[in-house]
Amino acid sequence: MASSDFKRVIAESPYVFIIGVAGDSGSGKTTFTRAIREIFGEELVSTITIDDYHRYDRRERKVLGITPLVPEANRFDLLEEHLIALKAGETIQKPVYNHDNGMFDPPVPFNPTKILILEGLHPFVTKKMRDLIDFKLYVDPDPDVKRAWKIKRDVDKRGYSVDAVIQEMEDRKPDFEQYVAPQCRFADAVIRIAFSKYGREASEKRNIYHVTLCQSKLDKSIRDVDLSIDLFGLLSLSQRNFMVEFTTEDIGGKAMGALTFDGELNEAVVKKLEKNIEIQTQVEPIDLLQNVDYLTAGDMAQLILAWRIINRRIFIESAPGAAGEEEGASIGNGASICGRR
């Protein structure tokens, strides 16, 4: 479909579009849906974290000797009920897990917005949840990157010691590999993040990473989609290092195209790409630059991912059920199948 005001179309539609984002704790899940939040705004976009659906608090998990990565440690039955209700436009009483004290706060009313982001360890763990999710993203940082990010987050924001964070990561690793990592097989897109080829210091001080966006083949696309990149801008205006590469990869037996960025791309290149997306999706404004001259590889991945998600949403609006789900499969075979480098 084409609309002069797709935001208005979404706001007036009864359809609740759910984006599922899977990945380990501290893997950067929230970062890669930032563009969708900024493009559509808080009136249309809200987030539920699956941590709120833990079955046990921190003390109980310690007594039981389990991690929250074990499916049985979570209330997926309740989450499924809530997703069905939210899809129907109903208000739920959402549980609240308090990371500061590891306990549960009283439930709170939660009203569905027209775009709902469901992020956490297990959004694709059951067939019913996968059927309810319209677009699936798996975020897969390199182990060294994940380690650095999680230490920074848990020490700075949650009050843990460095040693405690490292020990927790070691304790969680077997459960992550058995229950979380295999969910990449269900993803429409997989994001991989490694330290920049231009040096780890560029990553840690300037947020420049080596980012790969792996995407399954589009069944349908908006007419005349053109995501061209301005070669003049790349070759004549850039004054910083960058890299763009395309390869094909096998992700859990599924062929995906892998588009990799590293370094920083200049304002002229990114502005043209943003304008193309605005014209072809009729969604505007799309402006991730925010008064900066360069966008990082991660920002570029966000922008292209946002286009992919908007594309999926447009076809749901024009043909309900067009985003349908794949076969049923189980989680927990103990194998990491994301095809990491």
C-alpha atoms as a PDB file:
ATOM      1  CA  MET A   1       0.000   0.000   0.000  1.00  0.00           C
ATOM      2  CA  ALA A   2       1.002   3.623  -0.293  1.00  0.00           C
ATOM      3  CA  SER A   3      -0.279   6.296   2.035  1.00  0.00           C
ATOM      4  CA  SER A   4       0.547   9.955   2.337  1.00  0.00           C
ATOM      5  CA  ASP A   5       0.508   9.540   6.086  1.00  0.00           C
ATOM      6  CA  PHE A   6       1.360   6.004   7.099  1.00  0.00           C
ATOM      7  CA  LYS A   7       1.669   6.988  10.756  1.00  0.00           C
ATOM      8  CA  ARG A   8      -1.972   8.044  10.681  1.00  0.00           C
ATOM      9  CA  VAL A   9      -2.910   4.791   8.953  1.00  0.00           C
ATOM     10  CA  ILE A  10      -1.183   2.825  11.726  1.00  0.00           C
ATOM     11  CA  ALA A  11      -2.772   4.953  14.453  1.00  0.00           C
ATOM     12  CA  GLU A  12      -6.263   4.334  13.022  1.00  0.00           C
ATOM     13  CA  SER A  13      -5.735   0.635  12.295  1.00  0.00           C
ATOM     14  CA  PRO A  14      -6.939  -1.933  14.847  1.00  0.00           C
ATOM     15  CA  TYR A  15      -3.860  -4.072  14.129  1.00  0.00           C
ATOM     16  CA  VAL A  16      -1.209  -4.340  16.865  1.00  0.00           C
ATOM     17  CA  PHE A  17       2.145  -5.065  15.220  1.00  0.00           C
ATOM     18  CA  ILE A  18       4.584  -6.946  17.455  1.00  0.00           C
ATOM     19  CA  ILE A  19       8.353  -6.822  16.977  1.00  0.00           C
ATOM     20  CA  GLY A  20      10.218  -9.532  18.871  1.00  0.00           C
ATOM     21  CA  VAL A  21      13.848  -8.912  19.818  1.00  0.00           C
ATOM     22  CA  ALA A  22      15.820 -11.851  21.213  1.00  0.00           C
ATOM     23  CA  GLY A  23      19.307 -11.976  22.679  1.00  0.00           C
ATOM     24  CA  ASP A  24      21.320 -12.440  25.825  1.00  0.00           C
ATOM     25  CA  SER A  25      21.310 -10.004  28.720  1.00  0.00           C
ATOM     26  CA  GLY A  26      23.368  -6.933  27.872  1.00  0.00           C
ATOM     27  CA  SER A  27      23.506  -7.742  24.160  1.00  0.00           C
ATOM     28  CA  GLY A  28      22.193  -4.377  22.914  1.00  0.00           C
ATOM     29  CA  LYS A  29      18.618  -5.446  22.087  1.00  0.00           C
ATOM     30  CA  THR A  30      17.121  -2.023  22.786  1.00  0.00           C
ATOM     31  CA  THR A  31      19.674  -0.233  20.603  1.00  0.00           C
ATOM     32  CA  PHE A  32      18.596  -1.840  17.351  1.00  0.00           C
ATOM     33  CA  THR A  33      14.953  -0.849  17.606  1.00  0.00           C
ATOM     34  CA  ARG A  34      15.789   2.757  18.492  1.00  0.00           C
ATOM     35  CA  ALA A  35      15.101   3.914  14.939  1.00  0.00           C
ATOM     36  CA  ILE A  36      11.558   2.504  15.049  1.00  0.00           C
ATOM     37  CA  ARG A  37      10.932   4.266  18.372  1.00  0.00           C
ATOM     38  CA  GLU A  38      12.207   7.567  16.996  1.00  0.00           C
ATOM     39  CA  ILE A  39      10.415   7.322  13.648  1.00  0.00           C
ATOM     40  CA  PHE A  40       6.975   6.481  15.058  1.00  0.00           C
ATOM     41  CA  GLY A  41       7.192   8.032  18.546  1.00  0.00           C
ATOM     42  CA  GLU A  42       6.057   6.949  21.988  1.00  0.00           C
ATOM     43  CA  GLU A  43       2.369   7.371  21.154  1.00  0.00           C
ATOM     44  CA  LEU A  44       2.608   4.491  18.680  1.00  0.00           C
ATOM     45  CA  VAL A  45       5.477   2.420  20.139  1.00  0.00           C
ATOM     46  CA  SER A  46       5.798   0.735  23.535  1.00  0.00           C
ATOM     47  CA  THR A  47       8.017  -2.023  24.952  1.00  0.00           C
ATOM     48  CA  ILE A  48       7.523  -5.080  27.134  1.00  0.00           C
ATOM     49  CA  THR A  49      10.552  -6.795  28.613  1.00  0.00           C
ATOM     50  CA  ILE A  50      10.268 -10.547  29.095  1.00  0.00           C
ATOM     51  CA  ASP A  51      12.185 -10.240  32.377  1.00  0.00           C
ATOM     52  CA  ASP A  52       8.870  -9.120  33.869  1.00  0.00           C
ATOM     53  CA  TYR A  53       7.595 -12.648  33.263  1.00  0.00           C
ATOM     54  CA  HIS A  54      10.194 -14.413  35.407  1.00  0.00           C
ATOM     55  CA  ARG A  55       8.536 -17.086  37.530  1.00  0.00           C
ATOM     56  CA  TYR A  56      10.949 -16.705  40.457  1.00  0.00           C
ATOM     57  CA  ASP A  57      12.673 -13.749  42.050  1.00  0.00           C
ATOM     58  CA  ARG A  58      16.462 -13.575  42.403  1.00  0.00           C
ATOM     59  CA  ARG A  59      16.546 -15.208  45.840  1.00  0.00           C
ATOM     60  CA  GLU A  60      14.273 -18.056  44.766  1.00  0.00           C
ATOM     61  CA  ARG A  61      16.415 -18.732  41.688  1.00  0.00           C
ATOM     62  CA  LYS A  62      19.505 -18.893  43.866  1.00  0.00           C
ATOM     63  CA  VAL A  63      17.842 -21.396  46.215  1.00  0.00           C
ATOM     64  CA  LEU A  64      16.687 -23.501  43.259  1.00  0.00           C
ATOM     65  CA  GLY A  65      20.080 -23.277  41.578  1.00  0.00           C
ATOM     66  CA  ILE A  66      18.693 -22.114  38.218  1.00  0.00           C
ATOM     67  CA  THR A  67      19.148 -19.129  35.931  1.00  0.00           C
ATOM     68  CA  PRO A  68      16.358 -17.118  34.266  1.00  0.00           C
ATOM     69  CA  LEU A  69      17.541 -18.524  30.924  1.00  0.00           C
ATOM     70  CA  VAL A  70      15.898 -21.868  31.701  1.00  0.00           C
ATOM     71  CA  PRO A  71      12.420 -21.754  30.109  1.00  0.00           C
ATOM     72  CA  GLU A  72      10.792 -23.272  33.210  1.00  0.00           C
ATOM     73  CA  ALA A  73      11.942 -20.219  35.191  1.00  0.00           C
ATOM     74  CA  ASN A  74       9.542 -18.022  33.207  1.00  0.00           C
ATOM     75  CA  ARG A  75       5.767 -17.642  32.896  1.00  0.00           C
ATOM     76  CA  PHE A  76       5.410 -18.047  29.146  1.00  0.00           C
ATOM     77  CA  ASP A  77       1.823 -19.200  29.537  1.00  0.00           C
ATOM     78  CA  LEU A  78       0.933 -15.826  31.054  1.00  0.00           C
ATOM     79  CA  LEU A  79       2.970 -13.966  28.444  1.00  0.00           C
ATOM     80  CA  GLU A  80       1.119 -15.780  25.662  1.00  0.00           C
ATOM     81  CA  GLU A  81      -2.220 -14.833  27.226  1.00  0.00           C
ATOM     82  CA  HIS A  82      -1.117 -11.228  27.505  1.00  0.00           C
ATOM     83  CA  LEU A  83       0.112 -11.045  23.902  1.00  0.00           C
ATOM     84  CA  ILE A  84      -3.229 -12.407  22.673  1.00  0.00           C
ATOM     85  CA  ALA A  85      -5.050  -9.784  24.754  1.00  0.00           C
ATOM     86  CA  LEU A  86      -2.773  -6.982  23.543  1.00  0.00           C
ATOM     87  CA  LYS A  87      -3.268  -8.065  19.926  1.00  0.00           C
ATOM     88  CA  ALA A  88      -6.997  -7.701  20.579  1.00  0.00           C
ATOM     89  CA  GLY A  89      -6.448  -4.170  21.897  1.00  0.00           C
ATOM     90  CA  GLU A  90      -7.127  -5.077  25.521  1.00  0.00           C
ATOM     91  CA  THR A  91      -5.407  -3.689  28.627  1.00  0.00           C
ATOM     92  CA  ILE A  92      -3.400  -6.176  30.703  1.00  0.00           C
ATOM     93  CA  GLN A  93      -2.091  -6.189  34.263  1.00  0.00           C
ATOM     94  CA  LYS A  94       1.601  -6.560  33.458  1.00  0.00           C
ATOM     95  CA  PRO A  95       3.956  -8.012  36.082  1.00  0.00           C
ATOM     96  CA  VAL A  96       7.021  -5.950  36.980  1.00  0.00           C
ATOM     97  CA  TYR A  97      10.435  -7.422  37.778  1.00  0.00           C
ATOM     98  CA  ASN A  98      12.656  -4.994  39.700  1.00  0.00           C
ATOM     99  CA  HIS A  99      16.297  -5.412  38.671  1.00  0.00           C
ATOM    100  CA  ASP A 100      17.494  -3.219  41.526  1.00  0.00           C
ATOM    101  CA  ASN A 101      16.410  -5.666  44.231  1.00  0.00           C
ATOM    102  CA  GLY A 102      15.670  -8.798  42.204  1.00  0.00           C
ATOM    103  CA  MET A 103      12.048  -8.907  43.416  1.00  0.00           C
ATOM    104  CA  PHE A 104       8.621  -8.284  41.896  1.00  0.00           C
ATOM    105  CA  ASP A 105       6.815  -4.979  42.184  1.00  0.00           C
ATOM    106  CA  PRO A 106       3.001  -4.871  42.001  1.00  0.00           C
ATOM    107  CA  PRO A 107       1.548  -5.404  38.497  1.00  0.00           C
ATOM    108  CA  VAL A 108       0.713  -2.301  36.478  1.00  0.00           C
ATOM    109  CA  PRO A 109      -1.936  -1.625  33.813  1.00  0.00           C
ATOM    110  CA  PHE A 110      -0.451  -1.788  30.309  1.00  0.00           C
ATOM    111  CA  ASN A 111      -2.325  -0.512  27.269  1.00  0.00           C
ATOM    112  CA  PRO A 112      -1.296  -1.743  23.821  1.00  0.00           C
ATOM    113  CA  THR A 113       0.145   0.701  21.337  1.00  0.00           C
ATOM    114  CA  LYS A 114      -0.067  -0.009  17.616  1.00  0.00           C
ATOM    115  CA  ILE A 115       3.594  -1.071  17.543  1.00  0.00           C
ATOM    116  CA  LEU A 116       4.705  -3.247  20.456  1.00  0.00           C
ATOM    117  CA  ILE A 117       8.328  -4.277  20.992  1.00  0.00           C
ATOM    118  CA  LEU A 118       8.791  -7.499  22.961  1.00  0.00           C
ATOM    119  CA  GLU A 119      12.409  -7.926  23.990  1.00  0.00           C
ATOM    120  CA  GLY A 120      14.241 -10.398  26.156  1.00  0.00           C
ATOM    121  CA  LEU A 121      15.844 -13.807  26.380  1.00  0.00           C
ATOM    122  CA  HIS A 122      13.004 -15.910  24.977  1.00  0.00           C
ATOM    123  CA  PRO A 123      10.551 -14.166  22.637  1.00  0.00           C
ATOM    124  CA  PHE A 124      10.652 -17.035  20.107  1.00  0.00           C
ATOM    125  CA  VAL A 125      10.795 -19.966  22.512  1.00  0.00           C
ATOM    126  CA  THR A 126       7.248 -21.253  21.909  1.00  0.00           C
ATOM    127  CA  LYS A 127       5.324 -21.735  18.678  1.00  0.00           C
ATOM    128  CA  LYS A 128       2.416 -19.651  19.971  1.00  0.00           C
ATOM    129  CA  MET A 129       4.672 -16.688  20.773  1.00  0.00           C
ATOM    130  CA  ARG A 130       6.316 -16.910  17.362  1.00  0.00           C
ATOM    131  CA  ASP A 131       2.906 -16.922  15.693  1.00  0.00           C
ATOM    132  CA  LEU A 132       1.949 -13.744  17.552  1.00  0.00           C
ATOM    133  CA  ILE A 133       5.114 -11.867  16.569  1.00  0.00           C
ATOM    134  CA  ASP A 134       5.143 -10.085  13.220  1.00  0.00           C
ATOM    135  CA  PHE A 135       8.869  -9.367  12.877  1.00  0.00           C
ATOM    136  CA  LYS A 136      11.661 -11.264  14.631  1.00  0.00           C
ATOM    137  CA  LEU A 137      15.132  -9.884  15.331  1.00  0.00           C
ATOM    138  CA  TYR A 138      17.998 -11.730  17.013  1.00  0.00           C
ATOM    139  CA  VAL A 139      20.912  -9.655  18.391  1.00  0.00           C
ATOM    140  CA  ASP A 140      24.206 -11.544  18.550  1.00  0.00           C
ATOM    141  CA  PRO A 141      27.248  -9.589  19.764  1.00  0.00           C
ATOM    142  CA  ASP A 142      30.674 -11.177  19.749  1.00  0.00           C
ATOM    143  CA  PRO A 143      31.463 -12.691  23.184  1.00  0.00           C
ATOM    144  CA  ASP A 144      34.164 -10.078  23.880  1.00  0.00           C
ATOM    145  CA  VAL A 145      31.781  -7.241  23.018  1.00  0.00           C
ATOM    146  CA  LYS A 146      28.975  -8.726  25.096  1.00  0.00           C
ATOM    147  CA  ARG A 147      31.311  -9.160  28.049  1.00  0.00           C
ATOM    148  CA  ALA A 148      32.417  -5.512  27.901  1.00  0.00           C
ATOM    149  CA  TRP A 149      28.848  -4.214  27.496  1.00  0.00           C
ATOM    150  CA  LYS A 150      27.388  -6.320  30.282  1.00  0.00           C
ATOM    151  CA  ILE A 151      30.133  -5.383  32.733  1.00  0.00           C
ATOM    152  CA  LYS A 152      29.606  -1.688  32.000  1.00  0.00           C
ATOM    153  CA  ARG A 153      25.813  -1.894  32.326  1.00  0.00           C
ATOM    154  CA  ASP A 154      25.623  -4.081  35.428  1.00  0.00           C
ATOM    155  CA  VAL A 155      28.387  -2.242  37.284  1.00  0.00           C
ATOM    156  CA  ASP A 156      27.260   1.295  36.376  1.00  0.00           C
ATOM    157  CA  LYS A 157      23.482   0.834  36.480  1.00  0.00           C
ATOM    158  CA  ARG A 158      22.775  -2.204  38.675  1.00  0.00           C
ATOM    159  CA  GLY A 159      25.479  -1.928  41.324  1.00  0.00           C
ATOM    160  CA  TYR A 160      27.232  -5.263  40.698  1.00  0.00           C
ATOM    161  CA  SER A 161      30.972  -5.791  41.128  1.00  0.00           C
ATOM    162  CA  VAL A 162      33.038  -6.690  38.067  1.00  0.00           C
ATOM    163  CA  ASP A 163      33.849 -10.117  39.534  1.00  0.00           C
ATOM    164  CA  ALA A 164      30.161 -10.817  40.202  1.00  0.00           C
ATOM    165  CA  VAL A 165      29.222  -9.941  36.615  1.00  0.00           C
ATOM    166  CA  ILE A 166      31.951 -12.156  35.161  1.00  0.00           C
ATOM    167  CA  GLN A 167      30.957 -15.069  37.386  1.00  0.00           C
ATOM    168  CA  GLU A 168      27.303 -14.663  36.457  1.00  0.00           C
ATOM    169  CA  MET A 169      28.173 -14.750  32.761  1.00  0.00           C
ATOM    170  CA  GLU A 170      30.124 -17.976  33.229  1.00  0.00           C
ATOM    171  CA  ASP A 171      27.261 -19.527  35.199  1.00  0.00           C
ATOM    172  CA  ARG A 172      24.742 -18.541  32.507  1.00  0.00           C
ATOM    173  CA  LYS A 173      26.783 -19.622  29.483  1.00  0.00           C
ATOM    174  CA  PRO A 174      25.551 -23.251  29.193  1.00  0.00           C
ATOM    175  CA  ASP A 175      21.898 -22.174  29.488  1.00  0.00           C
ATOM    176  CA  PHE A 176      22.446 -19.385  26.962  1.00  0.00           C
ATOM    177  CA  GLU A 177      23.878 -21.821  24.436  1.00  0.00           C
ATOM    178  CA  GLN A 178      21.058 -24.317  24.999  1.00  0.00           C
ATOM    179  CA  TYR A 179      17.997 -22.089  25.248  1.00  0.00           C
ATOM    180  CA  VAL A 180      18.697 -18.596  23.877  1.00  0.00           C
ATOM    181  CA  ALA A 181      21.177 -18.951  21.007  1.00  0.00           C
ATOM    182  CA  PRO A 182      19.073 -21.464  18.993  1.00  0.00           C
ATOM    183  CA  GLN A 183      16.287 -18.876  18.661  1.00  0.00           C
ATOM    184  CA  CYS A 184      18.273 -17.221  15.869  1.00  0.00           C
ATOM    185  CA  ARG A 185      16.843 -19.855  13.491  1.00  0.00           C
ATOM    186  CA  PHE A 186      13.433 -18.170  13.676  1.00  0.00           C
ATOM    187  CA  ALA A 187      14.675 -14.630  13.037  1.00  0.00           C
ATOM    188  CA  ASP A 188      13.826 -12.494  10.033  1.00  0.00           C
ATOM    189  CA  ALA A 189      17.037 -10.614  10.746  1.00  0.00           C
ATOM    190  CA  VAL A 190      20.151 -11.277  12.818  1.00  0.00           C
ATOM    191  CA  ILE A 191      22.421  -8.453  13.997  1.00  0.00           C
ATOM    192  CA  ARG A 192      26.051  -9.284  14.757  1.00  0.00           C
ATOM    193  CA  ILE A 193      28.395  -6.869  16.485  1.00  0.00           C
ATOM    194  CA  ALA A 194      32.178  -7.140  16.807  1.00  0.00           C
ATOM    195  CA  PHE A 195      34.863  -4.661  17.749  1.00  0.00           C
ATOM    196  CA  SER A 196      35.764  -2.421  14.827  1.00  0.00           C
ATOM    197  CA  LYS A 197      38.468  -3.529  12.426  1.00  0.00           C
ATOM    198  CA  TYR A 198      39.823  -0.011  12.964  1.00  0.00           C
ATOM    199  CA  GLY A 199      40.652  -0.895  16.574  1.00  0.00           C
ATOM    200  CA  ARG A 200      38.947  -1.720  19.845  1.00  0.00           C
ATOM    201  CA  GLU A 201      39.586   1.834  21.050  1.00  0.00           C
ATOM    202  CA  ALA A 202      37.333   3.150  18.256  1.00  0.00           C
ATOM    203  CA  SER A 203      34.559   0.912  19.579  1.00  0.00           C
ATOM    204  CA  GLU A 204      34.965   1.716  23.259  1.00  0.00           C
ATOM    205  CA  LYS A 205      35.546   5.470  22.930  1.00  0.00           C
ATOM    206  CA  ARG A 206      33.568   6.410  19.801  1.00  0.00           C
ATOM    207  CA  ASN A 207      30.925   3.655  19.602  1.00  0.00           C
ATOM    208  CA  ILE A 208      32.247   2.418  16.242  1.00  0.00           C
ATOM    209  CA  TYR A 209      31.682  -1.298  15.716  1.00  0.00           C
ATOM    210  CA  HIS A 210      31.845  -3.907  12.954  1.00  0.00           C
ATOM    211  CA  VAL A 211      28.123  -4.562  12.434  1.00  0.00           C
ATOM    212  CA  THR A 212      26.549  -7.198  10.198  1.00  0.00           C
ATOM    213  CA  LEU A 213      22.848  -7.261   9.371  1.00  0.00           C
ATOM    214  CA  CYS A 214      21.817 -10.743   8.185  1.00  0.00           C
ATOM    215  CA  GLN A 215      18.388 -10.790   6.542  1.00  0.00           C
ATOM    216  CA  SER A 216      16.181 -13.471   5.096  1.00  0.00           C
ATOM    217  CA  LYS A 217      14.959 -12.995   1.550  1.00  0.00           C
ATOM    218  CA  LEU A 218      11.963 -10.695   1.167  1.00  0.00           C
ATOM    219  CA  ASP A 219       8.827 -12.459  -0.084  1.00  0.00           C
ATOM    220  CA  LYS A 220       7.275  -9.112  -0.987  1.00  0.00           C
ATOM    221  CA  SER A 221       8.523  -5.568  -1.137  1.00  0.00           C
ATOM    222  CA  ILE A 222       7.212  -2.071  -1.679  1.00  0.00           C
ATOM    223  CA  ARG A 223       7.209  -1.159  -5.361  1.00  0.00           C
ATOM    224  CA  ASP A 224      10.371   0.533  -6.684  1.00  0.00           C
ATOM    225  CA  VAL A 225      12.320   0.207  -3.453  1.00  0.00           C
ATOM    226  CA  ASP A 226      15.664   1.900  -3.988  1.00  0.00           C
ATOM    227  CA  LEU A 227      18.161   1.837  -1.157  1.00  0.00           C
ATOM    228  CA  SER A 228      21.009   3.142  -3.305  1.00  0.00           C
ATOM    229  CA  ILE A 229      24.063   4.691  -1.676  1.00  0.00           C
ATOM    230  CA  ASP A 230      25.555   7.858  -3.180  1.00  0.00           C
ATOM    231  CA  LEU A 231      28.979   6.876  -4.504  1.00  0.00           C
ATOM    232  CA  PHE A 232      29.988  10.526  -4.956  1.00  0.00           C
ATOM    233  CA  GLY A 233      29.346  11.111  -1.294  1.00  0.00           C
ATOM    234  CA  LEU A 234      31.292   8.017  -0.344  1.00  0.00           C
ATOM    235  CA  LEU A 235      34.276   8.687  -2.607  1.00  0.00           C
ATOM    236  CA  SER A 236      34.510  12.474  -2.444  1.00  0.00           C
ATOM    237  CA  LEU A 237      33.116  13.689   0.850  1.00  0.00           C
ATOM    238  CA  SER A 238      34.080  11.076   3.450  1.00  0.00           C
ATOM    239  CA  GLN A 239      37.068  11.829   5.632  1.00  0.00           C
ATOM    240  CA  ARG A 240      36.802   8.899   8.025  1.00  0.00           C
ATOM    241  CA  ASN A 241      37.318   5.161   7.665  1.00  0.00           C
ATOM    242  CA  PHE A 242      34.384   3.027   6.591  1.00  0.00           C
ATOM    243  CA  MET A 243      33.705  -0.368   5.084  1.00  0.00           C
ATOM    244  CA  VAL A 244      30.673  -1.891   3.319  1.00  0.00           C
ATOM    245  CA  GLU A 245      30.553  -5.606   2.447  1.00  0.00           C
ATOM    246  CA  PHE A 246      27.924  -8.079   1.317  1.00  0.00           C
ATOM    247  CA  THR A 247      28.159 -11.865   1.737  1.00  0.00           C
ATOM    248  CA  THR A 248      25.740 -14.783   1.961  1.00  0.00           C
ATOM    249  CA  GLU A 249      25.556 -16.915   5.089  1.00  0.00           C
ATOM    250  CA  ASP A 250      23.766 -19.968   6.426  1.00  0.00           C
ATOM    251  CA  ILE A 251      21.817 -19.230   9.610  1.00  0.00           C
ATOM    252  CA  GLY A 252      20.387 -22.429  11.062  1.00  0.00           C
ATOM    253  CA  GLY A 253      19.925 -23.953   7.627  1.00  0.00           C
ATOM    254  CA  LYS A 254      18.433 -20.763   6.136  1.00  0.00           C
ATOM    255  CA  ALA A 255      20.282 -18.669   3.558  1.00  0.00           C
ATOM    256  CA  MET A 256      20.589 -15.012   4.533  1.00  0.00           C
ATOM    257  CA  GLY A 257      22.176 -12.012   2.919  1.00  0.00           C
ATOM    258  CA  ALA A 258      24.743 -10.418   5.248  1.00  0.00           C
ATOM    259  CA  LEU A 259      25.364  -6.681   4.877  1.00  0.00           C
ATOM    260  CA  THR A 260      28.321  -5.475   6.934  1.00  0.00           C
ATOM    261  CA  PHE A 261      29.285  -1.944   7.894  1.00  0.00           C
ATOM    262  CA  ASP A 262      32.274  -0.706   9.852  1.00  0.00           C
ATOM    263  CA  GLY A 263      33.494   2.791  10.620  1.00  0.00           C
ATOM    264  CA  GLU A 264      31.495   5.952   9.931  1.00  0.00           C
ATOM    265  CA  LEU A 265      29.523   7.135   6.894  1.00  0.00           C
ATOM    266  CA  ASN A 266      29.095  10.820   6.186  1.00  0.00           C
ATOM    267  CA  GLU A 267      25.992  12.945   6.361  1.00  0.00           C
ATOM    268  CA  ALA A 268      25.499  13.243   2.587  1.00  0.00           C
ATOM    269  CA  VAL A 269      25.328   9.476   2.109  1.00  0.00           C
ATOM    270  CA  VAL A 270      23.004   8.864   5.040  1.00  0.00           C
ATOM    271  CA  LYS A 271      20.673  11.750   4.221  1.00  0.00           C
ATOM    272  CA  LYS A 272      20.097  10.388   0.731  1.00  0.00           C
ATOM    273  CA  LEU A 273      19.359   6.931   2.110  1.00  0.00           C
ATOM    274  CA  GLU A 274      16.925   8.404   4.643  1.00  0.00           C
ATOM    275  CA  LYS A 275      15.170  10.404   1.926  1.00  0.00           C
ATOM    276  CA  ASN A 276      14.823   7.307  -0.273  1.00  0.00           C
ATOM    277  CA  ILE A 277      13.182   5.426   2.581  1.00  0.00           C
ATOM    278  CA  GLU A 278      10.827   8.356   3.256  1.00  0.00           C
ATOM    279  CA  ILE A 279       9.764   8.519  -0.402  1.00  0.00           C
ATOM    280  CA  GLN A 280       9.270   4.811  -0.888  1.00  0.00           C
ATOM    281  CA  THR A 281       7.536   4.025   2.397  1.00  0.00           C
ATOM    282  CA  GLN A 282       5.665   7.333   2.811  1.00  0.00           C
ATOM    283  CA  VAL A 283       6.861   7.407   6.423  1.00  0.00           C
ATOM    284  CA  GLU A 284       8.492  10.643   7.505  1.00  0.00           C
ATOM    285  CA  PRO A 285      10.448  12.259   8.928  1.00  0.00           C
ATOM    286  CA  ILE A 286      13.263   9.722   9.198  1.00  0.00           C
ATOM    287  CA  ASP A 287      16.167  11.608  10.744  1.00  0.00           C
ATOM    288  CA  LEU A 288      18.769   9.701  12.709  1.00  0.00           C
ATOM    289  CA  LEU A 289      21.558  12.210  12.190  1.00  0.00           C
ATOM    290  CA  GLN A 290      20.406  14.658  14.870  1.00  0.00           C
ATOM    291  CA  ASN A 291      22.958  17.374  14.068  1.00  0.00           C
ATOM    292  CA  VAL A 292      25.927  15.048  13.601  1.00  0.00           C
ATOM    293  CA  ASP A 293      28.058  14.783  10.466  1.00  0.00           C
ATOM    294  CA  TYR A 294      28.583  11.013  10.507  1.00  0.00           C
ATOM    295  CA  LEU A 295      26.604   7.906  11.365  1.00  0.00           C
ATOM    296  CA  THR A 296      28.232   4.787  12.744  1.00  0.00           C
ATOM    297  CA  ALA A 297      27.898   1.279  11.340  1.00  0.00           C
ATOM    298  CA  GLY A 298      25.360   0.507  14.049  1.00  0.00           C
ATOM    299  CA  ASP A 299      23.265   3.512  13.040  1.00  0.00           C
ATOM    300  CA  MET A 300      23.268   2.365   9.415  1.00  0.00           C
ATOM    301  CA  ALA A 301      22.121  -1.106  10.464  1.00  0.00           C
ATOM    302  CA  GLN A 302      19.306   0.478  12.476  1.00  0.00           C
ATOM    303  CA  LEU A 303      18.196   2.516   9.477  1.00  0.00           C
ATOM    304  CA  ILE A 304      18.073  -0.434   7.087  1.00  0.00           C
ATOM    305  CA  LEU A 305      16.409  -2.595   9.731  1.00  0.00           C
ATOM    306  CA  ALA A 306      13.769   0.112  10.215  1.00  0.00           C
ATOM    307  CA  TRP A 307      13.053   0.042   6.468  1.00  0.00           C
ATOM    308  CA  ARG A 308      12.675  -3.741   6.619  1.00  0.00           C
ATOM    309  CA  ILE A 309      10.246  -3.536   9.546  1.00  0.00           C
ATOM    310  CA  ILE A 310       8.210  -0.767   7.894  1.00  0.00           C
ATOM    311  CA  ASN A 311       8.036  -2.877   4.743  1.00  0.00           C
ATOM    312  CA  ARG A 312       6.601  -5.798   6.748  1.00  0.00           C
ATOM    313  CA  ARG A 313       4.078  -3.525   8.448  1.00  0.00           C
ATOM    314  CA  ILE A 314       2.881  -2.057   5.156  1.00  0.00           C
ATOM    315  CA  PHE A 315       2.075  -5.493   3.736  1.00  0.00           C
ATOM    316  CA  ILE A 316       0.216  -6.511   6.873  1.00  0.00           C
ATOM    317  CA  GLU A 317      -1.952  -3.428   6.453  1.00  0.00           C
ATOM    318  CA  SER A 318      -2.651  -4.189   2.800  1.00  0.00           C
ATOM    319  CA  ALA A 319      -3.098  -7.960   3.208  1.00  0.00           C
ATOM    320  CA  PRO A 320      -3.780  -9.221   6.765  1.00  0.00           C
ATOM    321  CA  GLY A 321      -1.848 -12.386   7.494  1.00  0.00           C
ATOM    322  CA  ALA A 322       0.843 -11.640   4.896  1.00  0.00           C
ATOM    323  CA  ALA A 323       3.540 -11.767   7.550  1.00  0.00           C
ATOM    324  CA  GLY A 324       2.606 -15.299   8.559  1.00  0.00           C
ATOM    325  CA  GLU A 325       4.899 -17.584  10.539  1.00  0.00           C
ATOM    326  CA  GLU A 326       6.981 -20.560   9.694  1.00  0.00           C
ATOM    327  CA  GLU A 327       6.984 -24.115  10.902  1.00  0.00           C
ATOM    328  CA  GLY A 328       6.853 -25.122  14.536  1.00  0.00           C
ATOM    329  CA  ALA A 329      10.150 -26.124  16.127  1.00  0.00           C
ATOM    330  CA  SER A 330      11.502 -26.611  19.575  1.00  0.00           C
ATOM    331  CA  ILE A 331      14.184 -24.810  21.546  1.00  0.00           C
ATOM    332  CA  GLY A 332      16.729 -26.567  23.661  1.00  0.00           C
ATOM    333  CA  ASN A 333      18.893 -28.757  21.458  1.00  0.00           C
ATOM    334  CA  GLY A 334      22.036 -27.429  23.092  1.00  0.00           C
ATOM    335  CA  ALA A 335      23.569 -26.204  19.832  1.00  0.00           C
ATOM    336  CA  SER A 336      24.474 -22.656  18.897  1.00  0.00           C
ATOM    337  CA  ILE A 337      23.448 -22.353  15.254  1.00  0.00           C
ATOM    338  CA  CYS A 338      23.786 -18.656  14.475  1.00  0.00           C
ATOM    339  CA  GLY A 339      26.734 -19.372  12.219  1.00  0.00           C
ATOM    340  CA  ARG A 340      28.971 -16.887  13.985  1.00  0.00           C
ATOM    341  CA  ARG A 341      32.176 -15.853  12.274  1.00  0.00           C
END
